Amino acid sequence: MSKTKKISSLIPKIFKSFSKDSKLLELKANWDDVVGKQYSSRCYIHSLRKINKKNILTIESNASDLLELSYSSESLKKKINAYFSKEFVDVIKFKKSLQM
């Protein structure tokens, strides 16, 4: 007979297996707080991929903001990595949004 376990003890185990996806969801959920209103109002997260052992975050924005955002990529990366207290993002790429 197995013991009944609390859901709160199972959730971390479930999310640990989806660590990259859960970190991405956490970043999306806290985007305003992580990068500030100055950036969050003009761009959003498109994807996070691992290529050659580097986490590459793709941020999507309209064409008029892409140049300024690209100049701010180091600042954005520092804010994101500071939020996670580790090197979470290695490279930020920018993509022109078709929806904004």
N, C-alpha and C. Protein backbone atom coordinates (compact mmCIF):
# COMPACT_ATOMS: atom_id res chain seq x y z
N MET A 1 0.84 -1.19 0.00
CA MET A 1 0.00 0.00 0.00
C MET A 1 0.89 1.25 0.00
N SER A 2 0.64 2.15 -0.92
CA SER A 2 1.47 3.35 -1.01
C SER A 2 0.86 4.49 -0.21
N LYS A 3 1.74 5.34 0.25
CA LYS A 3 1.31 6.51 1.01
C LYS A 3 0.75 7.58 0.07
N THR A 4 -0.19 8.31 0.57
CA THR A 4 -0.71 9.44 -0.18
C THR A 4 0.29 10.59 -0.06
N LYS A 5 0.56 11.23 -1.19
CA LYS A 5 1.51 12.34 -1.20
C LYS A 5 0.78 13.64 -1.48
N LYS A 6 1.32 14.70 -0.92
CA LYS A 6 0.76 16.03 -1.16
C LYS A 6 1.13 16.48 -2.57
N ILE A 7 0.21 17.18 -3.19
CA ILE A 7 0.46 17.70 -4.53
C ILE A 7 1.66 18.65 -4.51
N SER A 8 1.78 19.43 -3.46
CA SER A 8 2.88 20.41 -3.38
C SER A 8 4.24 19.73 -3.41
N SER A 9 4.33 18.49 -3.00
CA SER A 9 5.61 17.78 -3.05
C SER A 9 5.86 17.18 -4.43
N LEU A 10 4.81 16.99 -5.21
CA LEU A 10 4.95 16.40 -6.54
C LEU A 10 5.23 17.43 -7.64
N ILE A 11 4.69 18.63 -7.47
CA ILE A 11 4.82 19.65 -8.51
C ILE A 11 6.27 19.96 -8.87
N PRO A 12 7.17 20.18 -7.89
CA PRO A 12 8.56 20.46 -8.27
C PRO A 12 9.20 19.33 -9.07
N LYS A 13 8.86 18.10 -8.76
CA LYS A 13 9.41 16.96 -9.51
C LYS A 13 8.91 16.97 -10.95
N ILE A 14 7.66 17.32 -11.13
CA ILE A 14 7.09 17.37 -12.48
C ILE A 14 7.75 18.48 -13.28
N PHE A 15 7.85 19.67 -12.66
CA PHE A 15 8.41 20.81 -13.38
C PHE A 15 9.91 20.68 -13.61
N LYS A 16 10.60 19.95 -12.78
CA LYS A 16 12.03 19.77 -12.97
C LYS A 16 12.33 19.10 -14.31
N SER A 17 11.46 18.19 -14.71
CA SER A 17 11.65 17.51 -15.99
C SER A 17 11.41 18.44 -17.17
N PHE A 18 10.70 19.51 -16.94
CA PHE A 18 10.45 20.49 -17.99
C PHE A 18 11.18 21.80 -17.68
N SER A 19 12.40 21.70 -17.15
CA SER A 19 13.08 22.88 -16.62
C SER A 19 13.22 24.01 -17.64
N LYS A 20 13.62 23.70 -18.86
CA LYS A 20 13.78 24.77 -19.85
C LYS A 20 12.43 25.40 -20.15
N ASP A 21 11.41 24.56 -20.36
CA ASP A 21 10.09 25.08 -20.66
C ASP A 21 9.51 25.85 -19.48
N SER A 22 9.73 25.36 -18.27
CA SER A 22 9.19 26.06 -17.10
C SER A 22 9.91 27.39 -16.90
N LYS A 23 11.21 27.44 -17.18
CA LYS A 23 11.95 28.71 -17.08
C LYS A 23 11.45 29.70 -18.12
N LEU A 24 11.16 29.20 -19.31
CA LEU A 24 10.63 30.06 -20.36
C LEU A 24 9.26 30.60 -19.97
N LEU A 25 8.41 29.73 -19.42
CA LEU A 25 7.09 30.16 -18.96
C LEU A 25 7.21 31.18 -17.83
N GLU A 26 8.15 30.94 -16.93
CA GLU A 26 8.38 31.88 -15.83
C GLU A 26 8.84 33.22 -16.37
N LEU A 27 9.72 33.21 -17.34
CA LEU A 27 10.21 34.45 -17.94
C LEU A 27 9.08 35.19 -18.64
N LYS A 28 8.26 34.46 -19.38
CA LYS A 28 7.12 35.09 -20.07
C LYS A 28 6.14 35.68 -19.07
N ALA A 29 5.88 34.96 -17.98
CA ALA A 29 4.92 35.43 -16.97
C ALA A 29 5.42 36.67 -16.24
N ASN A 30 6.73 36.81 -16.12
CA ASN A 30 7.32 37.93 -15.37
C ASN A 30 8.05 38.91 -16.28
N TRP A 31 7.75 38.91 -17.55
CA TRP A 31 8.46 39.71 -18.54
C TRP A 31 8.49 41.20 -18.16
N ASP A 32 7.35 41.75 -17.72
CA ASP A 32 7.29 43.17 -17.33
C ASP A 32 8.26 43.47 -16.20
N ASP A 33 8.28 42.60 -15.19
CA ASP A 33 9.15 42.83 -14.03
C ASP A 33 10.62 42.61 -14.36
N VAL A 34 10.91 41.67 -15.24
CA VAL A 34 12.30 41.33 -15.55
C VAL A 34 12.97 42.43 -16.36
N VAL A 35 12.35 42.84 -17.44
CA VAL A 35 12.99 43.82 -18.34
C VAL A 35 12.47 45.24 -18.18
N GLY A 36 11.39 45.41 -17.46
CA GLY A 36 10.83 46.75 -17.26
C GLY A 36 9.85 47.13 -18.37
N LYS A 37 9.00 48.09 -18.05
CA LYS A 37 7.95 48.54 -18.99
C LYS A 37 8.53 49.13 -20.27
N GLN A 38 9.71 49.75 -20.16
CA GLN A 38 10.34 50.37 -21.33
C GLN A 38 10.51 49.35 -22.46
N TYR A 39 10.90 48.14 -22.11
CA TYR A 39 11.12 47.10 -23.13
C TYR A 39 9.89 46.22 -23.32
N SER A 40 9.24 45.84 -22.22
CA SER A 40 8.15 44.86 -22.32
C SER A 40 6.97 45.37 -23.15
N SER A 41 6.81 46.67 -23.22
CA SER A 41 5.70 47.22 -24.01
C SER A 41 6.00 47.17 -25.51
N ARG A 42 7.26 46.96 -25.86
CA ARG A 42 7.64 46.99 -27.28
C ARG A 42 8.09 45.65 -27.85
N CYS A 43 8.24 44.65 -26.99
CA CYS A 43 8.71 43.36 -27.50
C CYS A 43 8.21 42.23 -26.62
N TYR A 44 8.26 41.03 -27.16
CA TYR A 44 7.87 39.86 -26.38
C TYR A 44 8.73 38.68 -26.79
N ILE A 45 8.69 37.65 -25.96
CA ILE A 45 9.51 36.47 -26.18
C ILE A 45 8.89 35.61 -27.27
N HIS A 46 9.70 35.26 -28.23
CA HIS A 46 9.23 34.38 -29.30
C HIS A 46 9.61 32.93 -29.01
N SER A 47 10.88 32.69 -28.66
CA SER A 47 11.30 31.32 -28.42
C SER A 47 12.61 31.28 -27.63
N LEU A 48 12.89 30.10 -27.09
CA LEU A 48 14.16 29.83 -26.42
C LEU A 48 14.64 28.49 -26.93
N ARG A 49 15.83 28.49 -27.51
CA ARG A 49 16.39 27.24 -28.06
C ARG A 49 17.81 27.07 -27.58
N LYS A 50 18.23 25.84 -27.53
CA LYS A 50 19.61 25.53 -27.17
C LYS A 50 20.32 25.07 -28.44
N ILE A 51 21.35 25.81 -28.82
CA ILE A 51 22.13 25.48 -30.02
C ILE A 51 23.60 25.53 -29.62
N ASN A 52 24.32 24.45 -29.86
CA ASN A 52 25.75 24.35 -29.50
C ASN A 52 25.99 24.72 -28.04
N LYS A 53 25.16 24.19 -27.17
CA LYS A 53 25.27 24.39 -25.71
C LYS A 53 25.05 25.84 -25.28
N LYS A 54 24.41 26.63 -26.12
CA LYS A 54 24.10 28.02 -25.79
C LYS A 54 22.60 28.23 -25.85
N ASN A 55 22.06 28.90 -24.83
CA ASN A 55 20.64 29.25 -24.82
C ASN A 55 20.45 30.52 -25.63
N ILE A 56 19.64 30.41 -26.67
CA ILE A 56 19.39 31.54 -27.56
C ILE A 56 17.94 31.96 -27.41
N LEU A 57 17.76 33.18 -26.93
CA LEU A 57 16.43 33.74 -26.74
C LEU A 57 16.11 34.60 -27.95
N THR A 58 14.97 34.35 -28.57
CA THR A 58 14.53 35.16 -29.70
C THR A 58 13.41 36.07 -29.22
N ILE A 59 13.61 37.35 -29.42
CA ILE A 59 12.64 38.37 -29.03
C ILE A 59 12.03 38.95 -30.29
N GLU A 60 10.72 39.12 -30.27
CA GLU A 60 10.00 39.62 -31.43
C GLU A 60 9.49 41.03 -31.15
N SER A 61 9.59 41.89 -32.16
CA SER A 61 9.13 43.27 -32.03
C SER A 61 8.81 43.82 -33.41
N ASN A 62 8.16 44.99 -33.43
CA ASN A 62 7.89 45.57 -34.74
C ASN A 62 9.17 46.18 -35.31
N ALA A 63 9.19 46.41 -36.58
CA ALA A 63 10.40 46.83 -37.29
C ALA A 63 10.97 48.14 -36.76
N SER A 64 10.12 49.06 -36.35
CA SER A 64 10.63 50.36 -35.92
C SER A 64 11.40 50.29 -34.60
N ASP A 65 11.17 49.27 -33.78
CA ASP A 65 11.87 49.14 -32.50
C ASP A 65 13.06 48.19 -32.55
N LEU A 66 13.20 47.43 -33.61
CA LEU A 66 14.24 46.40 -33.66
C LEU A 66 15.66 46.95 -33.52
N LEU A 67 15.96 48.03 -34.17
CA LEU A 67 17.32 48.58 -34.12
C LEU A 67 17.68 49.01 -32.70
N GLU A 68 16.79 49.78 -32.07
CA GLU A 68 17.05 50.23 -30.70
C GLU A 68 17.15 49.05 -29.74
N LEU A 69 16.28 48.08 -29.89
CA LEU A 69 16.32 46.90 -29.02
C LEU A 69 17.61 46.11 -29.21
N SER A 70 18.07 46.02 -30.44
CA SER A 70 19.31 45.27 -30.69
C SER A 70 20.49 45.95 -30.01
N TYR A 71 20.49 47.28 -29.94
CA TYR A 71 21.55 47.99 -29.21
C TYR A 71 21.45 47.73 -27.70
N SER A 72 20.28 47.38 -27.24
CA SER A 72 20.04 47.13 -25.81
C SER A 72 20.14 45.65 -25.45
N SER A 73 20.62 44.82 -26.36
CA SER A 73 20.61 43.37 -26.12
C SER A 73 21.45 42.98 -24.91
N GLU A 74 22.58 43.61 -24.69
CA GLU A 74 23.41 43.28 -23.52
C GLU A 74 22.69 43.63 -22.23
N SER A 75 22.03 44.77 -22.23
CA SER A 75 21.27 45.20 -21.05
C SER A 75 20.13 44.22 -20.76
N LEU A 76 19.42 43.82 -21.81
CA LEU A 76 18.33 42.86 -21.65
C LEU A 76 18.86 41.53 -21.12
N LYS A 77 19.97 41.08 -21.68
CA LYS A 77 20.57 39.81 -21.26
C LYS A 77 20.97 39.87 -19.79
N LYS A 78 21.57 40.97 -19.37
CA LYS A 78 21.96 41.12 -17.97
C LYS A 78 20.76 41.09 -17.04
N LYS A 79 19.68 41.74 -17.44
CA LYS A 79 18.46 41.76 -16.62
C LYS A 79 17.87 40.36 -16.49
N ILE A 80 17.83 39.64 -17.59
CA ILE A 80 17.27 38.28 -17.58
C ILE A 80 18.13 37.37 -16.73
N ASN A 81 19.44 37.42 -16.93
CA ASN A 81 20.35 36.56 -16.15
C ASN A 81 20.34 36.93 -14.67
N ALA A 82 20.19 38.21 -14.36
CA ALA A 82 20.10 38.63 -12.96
C ALA A 82 18.82 38.10 -12.32
N TYR A 83 17.75 38.07 -13.09
CA TYR A 83 16.48 37.54 -12.58
C TYR A 83 16.62 36.08 -12.17
N PHE A 84 17.32 35.29 -12.98
CA PHE A 84 17.50 33.86 -12.69
C PHE A 84 18.74 33.60 -11.83
N SER A 85 19.51 34.62 -11.53
CA SER A 85 20.73 34.50 -10.72
C SER A 85 21.73 33.51 -11.30
N LYS A 86 21.75 33.43 -12.62
CA LYS A 86 22.72 32.58 -13.31
C LYS A 86 22.72 32.96 -14.79
N GLU A 87 23.68 32.39 -15.52
CA GLU A 87 23.75 32.62 -16.97
C GLU A 87 22.67 31.77 -17.63
N PHE A 88 21.50 32.33 -17.76
CA PHE A 88 20.37 31.62 -18.35
C PHE A 88 20.33 31.82 -19.87
N VAL A 89 20.58 33.05 -20.30
CA VAL A 89 20.57 33.38 -21.72
C VAL A 89 21.99 33.73 -22.15
N ASP A 90 22.45 33.08 -23.22
CA ASP A 90 23.78 33.37 -23.76
C ASP A 90 23.74 34.38 -24.90
N VAL A 91 22.70 34.27 -25.73
CA VAL A 91 22.59 35.11 -26.92
C VAL A 91 21.13 35.55 -27.07
N ILE A 92 20.94 36.81 -27.45
CA ILE A 92 19.59 37.30 -27.76
C ILE A 92 19.56 37.63 -29.24
N LYS A 93 18.55 37.09 -29.92
CA LYS A 93 18.33 37.39 -31.32
C LYS A 93 17.00 38.12 -31.43
N PHE A 94 16.86 38.90 -32.48
CA PHE A 94 15.65 39.69 -32.68
C PHE A 94 14.99 39.30 -33.98
N LYS A 95 13.67 39.36 -33.96
CA LYS A 95 12.89 38.95 -35.11
C LYS A 95 11.78 39.99 -35.32
N LYS A 96 11.55 40.33 -36.57
CA LYS A 96 10.50 41.29 -36.92
C LYS A 96 9.14 40.61 -36.76
N SER A 97 8.27 41.28 -36.02
CA SER A 97 6.93 40.76 -35.79
C SER A 97 6.02 41.08 -36.97
N LEU A 98 5.19 40.14 -37.29
CA LEU A 98 4.21 40.38 -38.35
C LEU A 98 2.87 40.79 -37.75
N GLN A 99 2.75 40.67 -36.42
CA GLN A 99 1.48 40.93 -35.76
C GLN A 99 1.39 42.29 -35.10
N MET A 100 2.49 42.89 -34.74
CA MET A 100 2.46 44.13 -33.94
C MET A 100 2.14 45.32 -34.76
